[in-house]
Amino acid sequence: MNIALPLPYSQMTAILKPFNENEDFLLKSACPKGSTGDEGLYLHTPFITMKLPMEESFHMKPETDKSLTAVHQMKLFGIPFLTIHYQIDRGKPSC
């Protein structure tokens, strides 16, 4: 999965790899040692593209058949600096 965040005169791109863990779904920018791929967080400018010393992950799991939770975590130099908890509930259609 490729996610782009526009920044002034640049762009941050997260390339996340999907994984399954039992009934849970994970997206990770850091993969186990020995795996190959372009996963990671990158900063793109008009002059250079560089891999950032950051990691990002989303851990999504069903709570009930009508509810989904997700935990979004980010690390800088291996130190956690952001954790966001999401809950999505199925509602009635708006139309």
PDB file of N, CA and C in Angstrom:
ATOM      1  N   MET A   1       0.855  -1.160   0.000  1.00  0.00           N
ATOM      2  CA  MET A   1       0.000   0.000   0.000  1.00  0.00           C
ATOM      3  C   MET A   1       0.901   1.224   0.000  1.00  0.00           C
ATOM      4  N   ASN A   2       0.593   2.181  -0.821  1.00  0.00           N
ATOM      5  CA  ASN A   2       1.384   3.387  -0.967  1.00  0.00           C
ATOM      6  C   ASN A   2       0.518   4.575  -0.537  1.00  0.00           C
ATOM      7  N   ILE A   3       0.967   5.313   0.481  1.00  0.00           N
ATOM      8  CA  ILE A   3       0.231   6.463   0.993  1.00  0.00           C
ATOM      9  C   ILE A   3       1.128   7.687   0.854  1.00  0.00           C
ATOM     10  N   ALA A   4       0.614   8.761   0.274  1.00  0.00           N
ATOM     11  CA  ALA A   4       1.395   9.983   0.091  1.00  0.00           C
ATOM     12  C   ALA A   4       0.786  11.122   0.906  1.00  0.00           C
ATOM     13  N   LEU A   5       1.640  11.864   1.600  1.00  0.00           N
ATOM     14  CA  LEU A   5       1.233  13.016   2.393  1.00  0.00           C
ATOM     15  C   LEU A   5       1.933  14.243   1.825  1.00  0.00           C
ATOM     16  N   PRO A   6       1.173  15.185   1.274  1.00  0.00           N
ATOM     17  CA  PRO A   6       1.819  16.377   0.709  1.00  0.00           C
ATOM     18  C   PRO A   6       2.369  17.276   1.813  1.00  0.00           C
ATOM     19  N   LEU A   7       3.563  17.774   1.591  1.00  0.00           N
ATOM     20  CA  LEU A   7       4.225  18.717   2.490  1.00  0.00           C
ATOM     21  C   LEU A   7       4.687  19.908   1.662  1.00  0.00           C
ATOM     22  N   PRO A   8       5.015  21.030   2.278  1.00  0.00           N
ATOM     23  CA  PRO A   8       5.501  22.170   1.494  1.00  0.00           C
ATOM     24  C   PRO A   8       6.753  21.802   0.689  1.00  0.00           C
ATOM     25  N   TYR A   9       6.689  21.943  -0.605  1.00  0.00           N
ATOM     26  CA  TYR A   9       7.785  21.685  -1.534  1.00  0.00           C
ATOM     27  C   TYR A   9       8.321  20.250  -1.471  1.00  0.00           C
ATOM     28  N   SER A  10       7.537  19.337  -0.907  1.00  0.00           N
ATOM     29  CA  SER A  10       7.974  17.955  -0.811  1.00  0.00           C
ATOM     30  C   SER A  10       6.770  17.049  -0.565  1.00  0.00           C
ATOM     31  N   GLN A  11       7.048  15.776  -0.347  1.00  0.00           N
ATOM     32  CA  GLN A  11       6.002  14.790  -0.093  1.00  0.00           C
ATOM     33  C   GLN A  11       6.595  13.662   0.737  1.00  0.00           C
ATOM     34  N   MET A  12       5.830  13.190   1.734  1.00  0.00           N
ATOM     35  CA  MET A  12       6.238  12.017   2.490  1.00  0.00           C
ATOM     36  C   MET A  12       5.418  10.847   1.970  1.00  0.00           C
ATOM     37  N   THR A  13       6.089   9.758   1.667  1.00  0.00           N
ATOM     38  CA  THR A  13       5.422   8.568   1.148  1.00  0.00           C
ATOM     39  C   THR A  13       5.673   7.399   2.090  1.00  0.00           C
ATOM     40  N   ALA A  14       4.608   6.688   2.431  1.00  0.00           N
ATOM     41  CA  ALA A  14       4.716   5.469   3.231  1.00  0.00           C
ATOM     42  C   ALA A  14       4.377   4.289   2.332  1.00  0.00           C
ATOM     43  N   ILE A  15       5.275   3.344   2.253  1.00  0.00           N
ATOM     44  CA  ILE A  15       5.023   2.103   1.520  1.00  0.00           C
ATOM     45  C   ILE A  15       4.882   1.010   2.575  1.00  0.00           C
ATOM     46  N   LEU A  16       3.665   0.473   2.692  1.00  0.00           N
ATOM     47  CA  LEU A  16       3.330  -0.478   3.747  1.00  0.00           C
ATOM     48  C   LEU A  16       3.035  -1.845   3.152  1.00  0.00           C
ATOM     49  N   LYS A  17       3.494  -2.877   3.828  1.00  0.00           N
ATOM     50  CA  LYS A  17       3.286  -4.250   3.374  1.00  0.00           C
ATOM     51  C   LYS A  17       2.178  -4.889   4.207  1.00  0.00           C
ATOM     52  N   PRO A  18       1.216  -5.577   3.559  1.00  0.00           N
ATOM     53  CA  PRO A  18       0.119  -6.209   4.306  1.00  0.00           C
ATOM     54  C   PRO A  18       0.514  -7.576   4.872  1.00  0.00           C
ATOM     55  N   PHE A  19      -0.010  -7.870   6.050  1.00  0.00           N
ATOM     56  CA  PHE A  19       0.189  -9.152   6.724  1.00  0.00           C
ATOM     57  C   PHE A  19      -1.129  -9.588   7.350  1.00  0.00           C
ATOM     58  N   ASN A  20      -1.310 -10.879   7.506  1.00  0.00           N
ATOM     59  CA  ASN A  20      -2.436 -11.428   8.265  1.00  0.00           C
ATOM     60  C   ASN A  20      -1.886 -12.053   9.532  1.00  0.00           C
ATOM     61  N   GLU A  21      -2.612 -11.851  10.612  1.00  0.00           N
ATOM     62  CA  GLU A  21      -2.249 -12.467  11.890  1.00  0.00           C
ATOM     63  C   GLU A  21      -3.549 -12.941  12.530  1.00  0.00           C
ATOM     64  N   ASN A  22      -3.829 -14.234  12.407  1.00  0.00           N
ATOM     65  CA  ASN A  22      -5.120 -14.805  12.814  1.00  0.00           C
ATOM     66  C   ASN A  22      -6.234 -14.074  12.067  1.00  0.00           C
ATOM     67  N   GLU A  23      -7.148 -13.419  12.762  1.00  0.00           N
ATOM     68  CA  GLU A  23      -8.209 -12.667  12.087  1.00  0.00           C
ATOM     69  C   GLU A  23      -7.856 -11.197  11.936  1.00  0.00           C
ATOM     70  N   ASP A  24      -6.674 -10.808  12.382  1.00  0.00           N
ATOM     71  CA  ASP A  24      -6.255  -9.410  12.322  1.00  0.00           C
ATOM     72  C   ASP A  24      -5.563  -9.121  10.986  1.00  0.00           C
ATOM     73  N   PHE A  25      -5.571  -7.845  10.607  1.00  0.00           N
ATOM     74  CA  PHE A  25      -4.924  -7.386   9.383  1.00  0.00           C
ATOM     75  C   PHE A  25      -3.905  -6.325   9.784  1.00  0.00           C
ATOM     76  N   LEU A  26      -2.671  -6.460   9.299  1.00  0.00           N
ATOM     77  CA  LEU A  26      -1.621  -5.511   9.641  1.00  0.00           C
ATOM     78  C   LEU A  26      -1.030  -4.898   8.383  1.00  0.00           C
ATOM     79  N   LEU A  27      -0.664  -3.633   8.486  1.00  0.00           N
ATOM     80  CA  LEU A  27       0.108  -2.937   7.462  1.00  0.00           C
ATOM     81  C   LEU A  27       1.354  -2.422   8.166  1.00  0.00           C
ATOM     82  N   LYS A  28       2.546  -2.741   7.617  1.00  0.00           N
ATOM     83  CA  LYS A  28       3.792  -2.359   8.282  1.00  0.00           C
ATOM     84  C   LYS A  28       4.778  -1.760   7.291  1.00  0.00           C
ATOM     85  N   SER A  29       5.521  -0.760   7.763  1.00  0.00           N
ATOM     86  CA  SER A  29       6.587  -0.193   6.941  1.00  0.00           C
ATOM     87  C   SER A  29       7.919  -0.870   7.242  1.00  0.00           C
ATOM     88  N   ALA A  30       8.011  -1.582   8.359  1.00  0.00           N
ATOM     89  CA  ALA A  30       9.229  -2.313   8.717  1.00  0.00           C
ATOM     90  C   ALA A  30       8.910  -3.799   8.694  1.00  0.00           C
ATOM     91  N   CYS A  31       9.635  -4.544   7.904  1.00  0.00           N
ATOM     92  CA  CYS A  31       9.388  -5.975   7.752  1.00  0.00           C
ATOM     93  C   CYS A  31      10.472  -6.759   8.475  1.00  0.00           C
ATOM     94  N   PRO A  32      10.207  -8.049   8.728  1.00  0.00           N
ATOM     95  CA  PRO A  32      11.210  -8.866   9.412  1.00  0.00           C
ATOM     96  C   PRO A  32      12.533  -8.887   8.650  1.00  0.00           C
ATOM     97  N   LYS A  33      13.607  -9.031   9.393  1.00  0.00           N
ATOM     98  CA  LYS A  33      14.942  -9.087   8.775  1.00  0.00           C
ATOM     99  C   LYS A  33      14.984 -10.206   7.741  1.00  0.00           C
ATOM    100  N   GLY A  34      15.648  -9.924   6.629  1.00  0.00           N
ATOM    101  CA  GLY A  34      15.776 -10.915   5.578  1.00  0.00           C
ATOM    102  C   GLY A  34      14.723 -10.797   4.492  1.00  0.00           C
ATOM    103  N   SER A  35      13.639 -10.055   4.764  1.00  0.00           N
ATOM    104  CA  SER A  35      12.629  -9.882   3.717  1.00  0.00           C
ATOM    105  C   SER A  35      13.077  -8.769   2.781  1.00  0.00           C
ATOM    106  N   THR A  36      12.644  -8.870   1.549  1.00  0.00           N
ATOM    107  CA  THR A  36      13.031  -7.863   0.562  1.00  0.00           C
ATOM    108  C   THR A  36      11.809  -7.053   0.158  1.00  0.00           C
ATOM    109  N   GLY A  37      12.032  -5.834  -0.221  1.00  0.00           N
ATOM    110  CA  GLY A  37      10.949  -4.965  -0.654  1.00  0.00           C
ATOM    111  C   GLY A  37      11.316  -3.511  -0.424  1.00  0.00           C
ATOM    112  N   ASP A  38      10.438  -2.626  -0.837  1.00  0.00           N
ATOM    113  CA  ASP A  38      10.660  -1.185  -0.726  1.00  0.00           C
ATOM    114  C   ASP A  38       9.918  -0.565   0.447  1.00  0.00           C
ATOM    115  N   GLU A  39       9.415  -1.388   1.380  1.00  0.00           N
ATOM    116  CA  GLU A  39       8.653  -0.862   2.495  1.00  0.00           C
ATOM    117  C   GLU A  39       9.469   0.173   3.252  1.00  0.00           C
ATOM    118  N   GLY A  40       8.781   1.205   3.740  1.00  0.00           N
ATOM    119  CA  GLY A  40       9.447   2.238   4.521  1.00  0.00           C
ATOM    120  C   GLY A  40       8.759   3.576   4.338  1.00  0.00           C
ATOM    121  N   LEU A  41       9.310   4.588   4.988  1.00  0.00           N
ATOM    122  CA  LEU A  41       8.827   5.952   4.852  1.00  0.00           C
ATOM    123  C   LEU A  41       9.901   6.771   4.157  1.00  0.00           C
ATOM    124  N   TYR A  42       9.483   7.539   3.167  1.00  0.00           N
ATOM    125  CA  TYR A  42      10.414   8.281   2.324  1.00  0.00           C
ATOM    126  C   TYR A  42      10.009   9.743   2.253  1.00  0.00           C
ATOM    127  N   LEU A  43      11.009  10.619   2.133  1.00  0.00           N
ATOM    128  CA  LEU A  43      10.783  12.036   1.883  1.00  0.00           C
ATOM    129  C   LEU A  43      11.233  12.322   0.464  1.00  0.00           C
ATOM    130  N   HIS A  44      10.320  12.870  -0.353  1.00  0.00           N
ATOM    131  CA  HIS A  44      10.618  13.224  -1.746  1.00  0.00           C
ATOM    132  C   HIS A  44      10.653  14.743  -1.859  1.00  0.00           C
ATOM    133  N   THR A  45      11.717  15.264  -2.423  1.00  0.00           N
ATOM    134  CA  THR A  45      11.814  16.692  -2.745  1.00  0.00           C
ATOM    135  C   THR A  45      12.152  16.783  -4.231  1.00  0.00           C
ATOM    136  N   PRO A  46      12.137  17.985  -4.794  1.00  0.00           N
ATOM    137  CA  PRO A  46      12.541  18.089  -6.206  1.00  0.00           C
ATOM    138  C   PRO A  46      13.982  17.658  -6.455  1.00  0.00           C
ATOM    139  N   PHE A  47      14.793  17.565  -5.394  1.00  0.00           N
ATOM    140  CA  PHE A  47      16.209  17.294  -5.566  1.00  0.00           C
ATOM    141  C   PHE A  47      16.650  15.906  -5.107  1.00  0.00           C
ATOM    142  N   ILE A  48      15.928  15.314  -4.159  1.00  0.00           N
ATOM    143  CA  ILE A  48      16.396  14.058  -3.575  1.00  0.00           C
ATOM    144  C   ILE A  48      15.214  13.262  -3.014  1.00  0.00           C
ATOM    145  N   THR A  49      15.382  11.954  -2.975  1.00  0.00           N
ATOM    146  CA  THR A  49      14.459  11.063  -2.267  1.00  0.00           C
ATOM    147  C   THR A  49      15.285  10.312  -1.240  1.00  0.00           C
ATOM    148  N   MET A  50      14.836  10.347   0.031  1.00  0.00           N
ATOM    149  CA  MET A  50      15.594   9.654   1.073  1.00  0.00           C
ATOM    150  C   MET A  50      14.660   8.857   1.975  1.00  0.00           C
ATOM    151  N   LYS A  51      15.168   7.722   2.410  1.00  0.00           N
ATOM    152  CA  LYS A  51      14.424   6.892   3.354  1.00  0.00           C
ATOM    153  C   LYS A  51      14.573   7.505   4.738  1.00  0.00           C
ATOM    154  N   LEU A  52      13.455   7.630   5.454  1.00  0.00           N
ATOM    155  CA  LEU A  52      13.457   8.245   6.771  1.00  0.00           C
ATOM    156  C   LEU A  52      13.656   7.197   7.869  1.00  0.00           C
ATOM    157  N   PRO A  53      14.237   7.592   8.997  1.00  0.00           N
ATOM    158  CA  PRO A  53      14.433   6.654  10.106  1.00  0.00           C
ATOM    159  C   PRO A  53      13.147   6.507  10.930  1.00  0.00           C
ATOM    160  N   MET A  54      12.056   6.220  10.235  1.00  0.00           N
ATOM    161  CA  MET A  54      10.739   6.113  10.859  1.00  0.00           C
ATOM    162  C   MET A  54      10.100   4.778  10.505  1.00  0.00           C
ATOM    163  N   GLU A  55       9.187   4.329  11.368  1.00  0.00           N
ATOM    164  CA  GLU A  55       8.380   3.132  11.108  1.00  0.00           C
ATOM    165  C   GLU A  55       6.923   3.491  11.339  1.00  0.00           C
ATOM    166  N   GLU A  56       6.053   2.833  10.580  1.00  0.00           N
ATOM    167  CA  GLU A  56       4.611   3.058  10.712  1.00  0.00           C
ATOM    168  C   GLU A  56       3.913   1.711  10.630  1.00  0.00           C
ATOM    169  N   SER A  57       2.863   1.549  11.434  1.00  0.00           N
ATOM    170  CA  SER A  57       2.093   0.310  11.371  1.00  0.00           C
ATOM    171  C   SER A  57       0.630   0.582  11.697  1.00  0.00           C
ATOM    172  N   PHE A  58      -0.225  -0.206  11.077  1.00  0.00           N
ATOM    173  CA  PHE A  58      -1.659  -0.215  11.356  1.00  0.00           C
ATOM    174  C   PHE A  58      -2.026  -1.650  11.732  1.00  0.00           C
ATOM    175  N   HIS A  59      -2.676  -1.829  12.870  1.00  0.00           N
ATOM    176  CA  HIS A  59      -3.138  -3.148  13.318  1.00  0.00           C
ATOM    177  C   HIS A  59      -4.658  -3.073  13.407  1.00  0.00           C
ATOM    178  N   MET A  60      -5.338  -3.750  12.477  1.00  0.00           N
ATOM    179  CA  MET A  60      -6.799  -3.695  12.399  1.00  0.00           C
ATOM    180  C   MET A  60      -7.386  -5.049  12.761  1.00  0.00           C
ATOM    181  N   LYS A  61      -8.456  -5.029  13.543  1.00  0.00           N
ATOM    182  CA  LYS A  61      -9.090  -6.294  13.913  1.00  0.00           C
ATOM    183  C   LYS A  61     -10.576  -6.090  14.140  1.00  0.00           C
ATOM    184  N   PRO A  62     -11.364  -7.111  13.797  1.00  0.00           N
ATOM    185  CA  PRO A  62     -12.802  -7.023  14.049  1.00  0.00           C
ATOM    186  C   PRO A  62     -13.074  -7.249  15.538  1.00  0.00           C
ATOM    187  N   GLU A  63     -13.931  -6.418  16.099  1.00  0.00           N
ATOM    188  CA  GLU A  63     -14.347  -6.598  17.493  1.00  0.00           C
ATOM    189  C   GLU A  63     -15.653  -7.394  17.528  1.00  0.00           C
ATOM    190  N   THR A  64     -16.583  -7.028  16.657  1.00  0.00           N
ATOM    191  CA  THR A  64     -17.833  -7.754  16.468  1.00  0.00           C
ATOM    192  C   THR A  64     -18.074  -7.790  14.969  1.00  0.00           C
ATOM    193  N   ASP A  65     -19.196  -8.368  14.547  1.00  0.00           N
ATOM    194  CA  ASP A  65     -19.475  -8.353  13.108  1.00  0.00           C
ATOM    195  C   ASP A  65     -19.899  -6.967  12.633  1.00  0.00           C
ATOM    196  N   LYS A  66     -20.063  -6.002  13.551  1.00  0.00           N
ATOM    197  CA  LYS A  66     -20.450  -4.637  13.174  1.00  0.00           C
ATOM    198  C   LYS A  66     -19.442  -3.590  13.629  1.00  0.00           C
ATOM    199  N   SER A  67     -18.269  -4.013  14.105  1.00  0.00           N
ATOM    200  CA  SER A  67     -17.302  -3.066  14.646  1.00  0.00           C
ATOM    201  C   SER A  67     -15.878  -3.488  14.281  1.00  0.00           C
ATOM    202  N   LEU A  68     -15.059  -2.501  13.954  1.00  0.00           N
ATOM    203  CA  LEU A  68     -13.663  -2.719  13.599  1.00  0.00           C
ATOM    204  C   LEU A  68     -12.819  -1.731  14.397  1.00  0.00           C
ATOM    205  N   THR A  69     -11.713  -2.195  14.973  1.00  0.00           N
ATOM    206  CA  THR A  69     -10.791  -1.287  15.651  1.00  0.00           C
ATOM    207  C   THR A  69      -9.457  -1.304  14.920  1.00  0.00           C
ATOM    208  N   ALA A  70      -8.726  -0.213  15.063  1.00  0.00           N
ATOM    209  CA  ALA A  70      -7.400  -0.108  14.459  1.00  0.00           C
ATOM    210  C   ALA A  70      -6.499   0.688  15.396  1.00  0.00           C
ATOM    211  N   VAL A  71      -5.230   0.304  15.427  1.00  0.00           N
ATOM    212  CA  VAL A  71      -4.218   1.046  16.168  1.00  0.00           C
ATOM    213  C   VAL A  71      -3.148   1.458  15.160  1.00  0.00           C
ATOM    214  N   HIS A  72      -2.920   2.756  15.062  1.00  0.00           N
ATOM    215  CA  HIS A  72      -1.934   3.332  14.149  1.00  0.00           C
ATOM    216  C   HIS A  72      -0.760   3.785  15.009  1.00  0.00           C
ATOM    217  N   GLN A  73       0.434   3.253  14.744  1.00  0.00           N
ATOM    218  CA  GLN A  73       1.604   3.601  15.535  1.00  0.00           C
ATOM    219  C   GLN A  73       2.724   4.090  14.627  1.00  0.00           C
ATOM    220  N   MET A  74       3.471   5.075  15.128  1.00  0.00           N
ATOM    221  CA  MET A  74       4.648   5.573  14.416  1.00  0.00           C
ATOM    222  C   MET A  74       5.816   5.649  15.388  1.00  0.00           C
ATOM    223  N   LYS A  75       7.017   5.348  14.854  1.00  0.00           N
ATOM    224  CA  LYS A  75       8.249   5.402  15.635  1.00  0.00           C
ATOM    225  C   LYS A  75       9.274   6.227  14.862  1.00  0.00           C
ATOM    226  N   LEU A  76      10.102   6.943  15.607  1.00  0.00           N
ATOM    227  CA  LEU A  76      11.216   7.700  15.045  1.00  0.00           C
ATOM    228  C   LEU A  76      12.482   7.201  15.733  1.00  0.00           C
ATOM    229  N   PHE A  77      13.436   6.694  14.967  1.00  0.00           N
ATOM    230  CA  PHE A  77      14.652   6.073  15.511  1.00  0.00           C
ATOM    231  C   PHE A  77      14.292   4.965  16.507  1.00  0.00           C
ATOM    232  N   GLY A  78      13.205   4.238  16.246  1.00  0.00           N
ATOM    233  CA  GLY A  78      12.786   3.139  17.108  1.00  0.00           C
ATOM    234  C   GLY A  78      12.023   3.557  18.353  1.00  0.00           C
ATOM    235  N   ILE A  79      11.821   4.862  18.538  1.00  0.00           N
ATOM    236  CA  ILE A  79      11.124   5.376  19.722  1.00  0.00           C
ATOM    237  C   ILE A  79       9.694   5.748  19.338  1.00  0.00           C
ATOM    238  N   PRO A  80       8.686   5.140  19.981  1.00  0.00           N
ATOM    239  CA  PRO A  80       7.292   5.476  19.666  1.00  0.00           C
ATOM    240  C   PRO A  80       7.004   6.946  19.964  1.00  0.00           C
ATOM    241  N   PHE A  81       6.354   7.631  18.998  1.00  0.00           N
ATOM    242  CA  PHE A  81       5.991   9.024  19.231  1.00  0.00           C
ATOM    243  C   PHE A  81       4.532   9.322  18.899  1.00  0.00           C
ATOM    244  N   LEU A  82       3.826   8.360  18.313  1.00  0.00           N
ATOM    245  CA  LEU A  82       2.423   8.589  17.968  1.00  0.00           C
ATOM    246  C   LEU A  82       1.670   7.271  18.020  1.00  0.00           C
ATOM    247  N   THR A  83       0.550   7.267  18.725  1.00  0.00           N
ATOM    248  CA  THR A  83      -0.364   6.128  18.724  1.00  0.00           C
ATOM    249  C   THR A  83      -1.777   6.673  18.637  1.00  0.00           C
ATOM    250  N   ILE A  84      -2.519   6.227  17.635  1.00  0.00           N
ATOM    251  CA  ILE A  84      -3.906   6.647  17.449  1.00  0.00           C
ATOM    252  C   ILE A  84      -4.778   5.400  17.438  1.00  0.00           C
ATOM    253  N   HIS A  85      -5.847   5.424  18.217  1.00  0.00           N
ATOM    254  CA  HIS A  85      -6.798   4.319  18.275  1.00  0.00           C
ATOM    255  C   HIS A  85      -8.060   4.728  17.514  1.00  0.00           C
ATOM    256  N   TYR A  86      -8.500   3.862  16.608  1.00  0.00           N
ATOM    257  CA  TYR A  86      -9.700   4.100  15.810  1.00  0.00           C
ATOM    258  C   TYR A  86     -10.739   3.034  16.133  1.00  0.00           C
ATOM    259  N   GLN A  87     -12.003   3.410  16.050  1.00  0.00           N
ATOM    260  CA  GLN A  87     -13.082   2.431  16.102  1.00  0.00           C
ATOM    261  C   GLN A  87     -14.092   2.817  15.030  1.00  0.00           C
ATOM    262  N   ILE A  88     -14.438   1.841  14.209  1.00  0.00           N
ATOM    263  CA  ILE A  88     -15.395   2.057  13.128  1.00  0.00           C
ATOM    264  C   ILE A  88     -16.588   1.150  13.389  1.00  0.00           C
ATOM    265  N   ASP A  89     -17.765   1.750  13.460  1.00  0.00           N
ATOM    266  CA  ASP A  89     -18.995   0.998  13.682  1.00  0.00           C
ATOM    267  C   ASP A  89     -19.871   1.071  12.447  1.00  0.00           C
ATOM    268  N   ARG A  90     -20.484  -0.059  12.092  1.00  0.00           N
ATOM    269  CA  ARG A  90     -21.395  -0.075  10.974  1.00  0.00           C
ATOM    270  C   ARG A  90     -22.683   0.646  11.385  1.00  0.00           C
ATOM    271  N   GLY A  91     -23.095   1.564  10.573  1.00  0.00           N
ATOM    272  CA  GLY A  91     -24.310   2.310  10.834  1.00  0.00           C
ATOM    273  C   GLY A  91     -25.309   2.089   9.719  1.00  0.00           C
ATOM    274  N   LYS A  92     -26.400   2.798   9.807  1.00  0.00           N
ATOM    275  CA  LYS A  92     -27.399   2.729   8.750  1.00  0.00           C
ATOM    276  C   LYS A  92     -26.919   3.494   7.541  1.00  0.00           C
ATOM    277  N   PRO A  93     -27.253   3.039   6.345  1.00  0.00           N
ATOM    278  CA  PRO A  93     -26.866   3.786   5.135  1.00  0.00           C
ATOM    279  C   PRO A  93     -27.462   5.202   5.175  1.00  0.00           C
ATOM    280  N   SER A  94     -26.719   6.171   4.673  1.00  0.00           N
ATOM    281  CA  SER A  94     -27.173   7.558   4.710  1.00  0.00           C
ATOM    282  C   SER A  94     -28.134   7.902   3.587  1.00  0.00           C
ATOM    283  N   CYS A  95     -28.280   7.043   2.595  1.00  0.00           N
ATOM    284  CA  CYS A  95     -29.172   7.346   1.469  1.00  0.00           C
ATOM    285  C   CYS A  95     -30.525   6.685   1.654  1.00  0.00           C
TER     286      CYS A  95
END
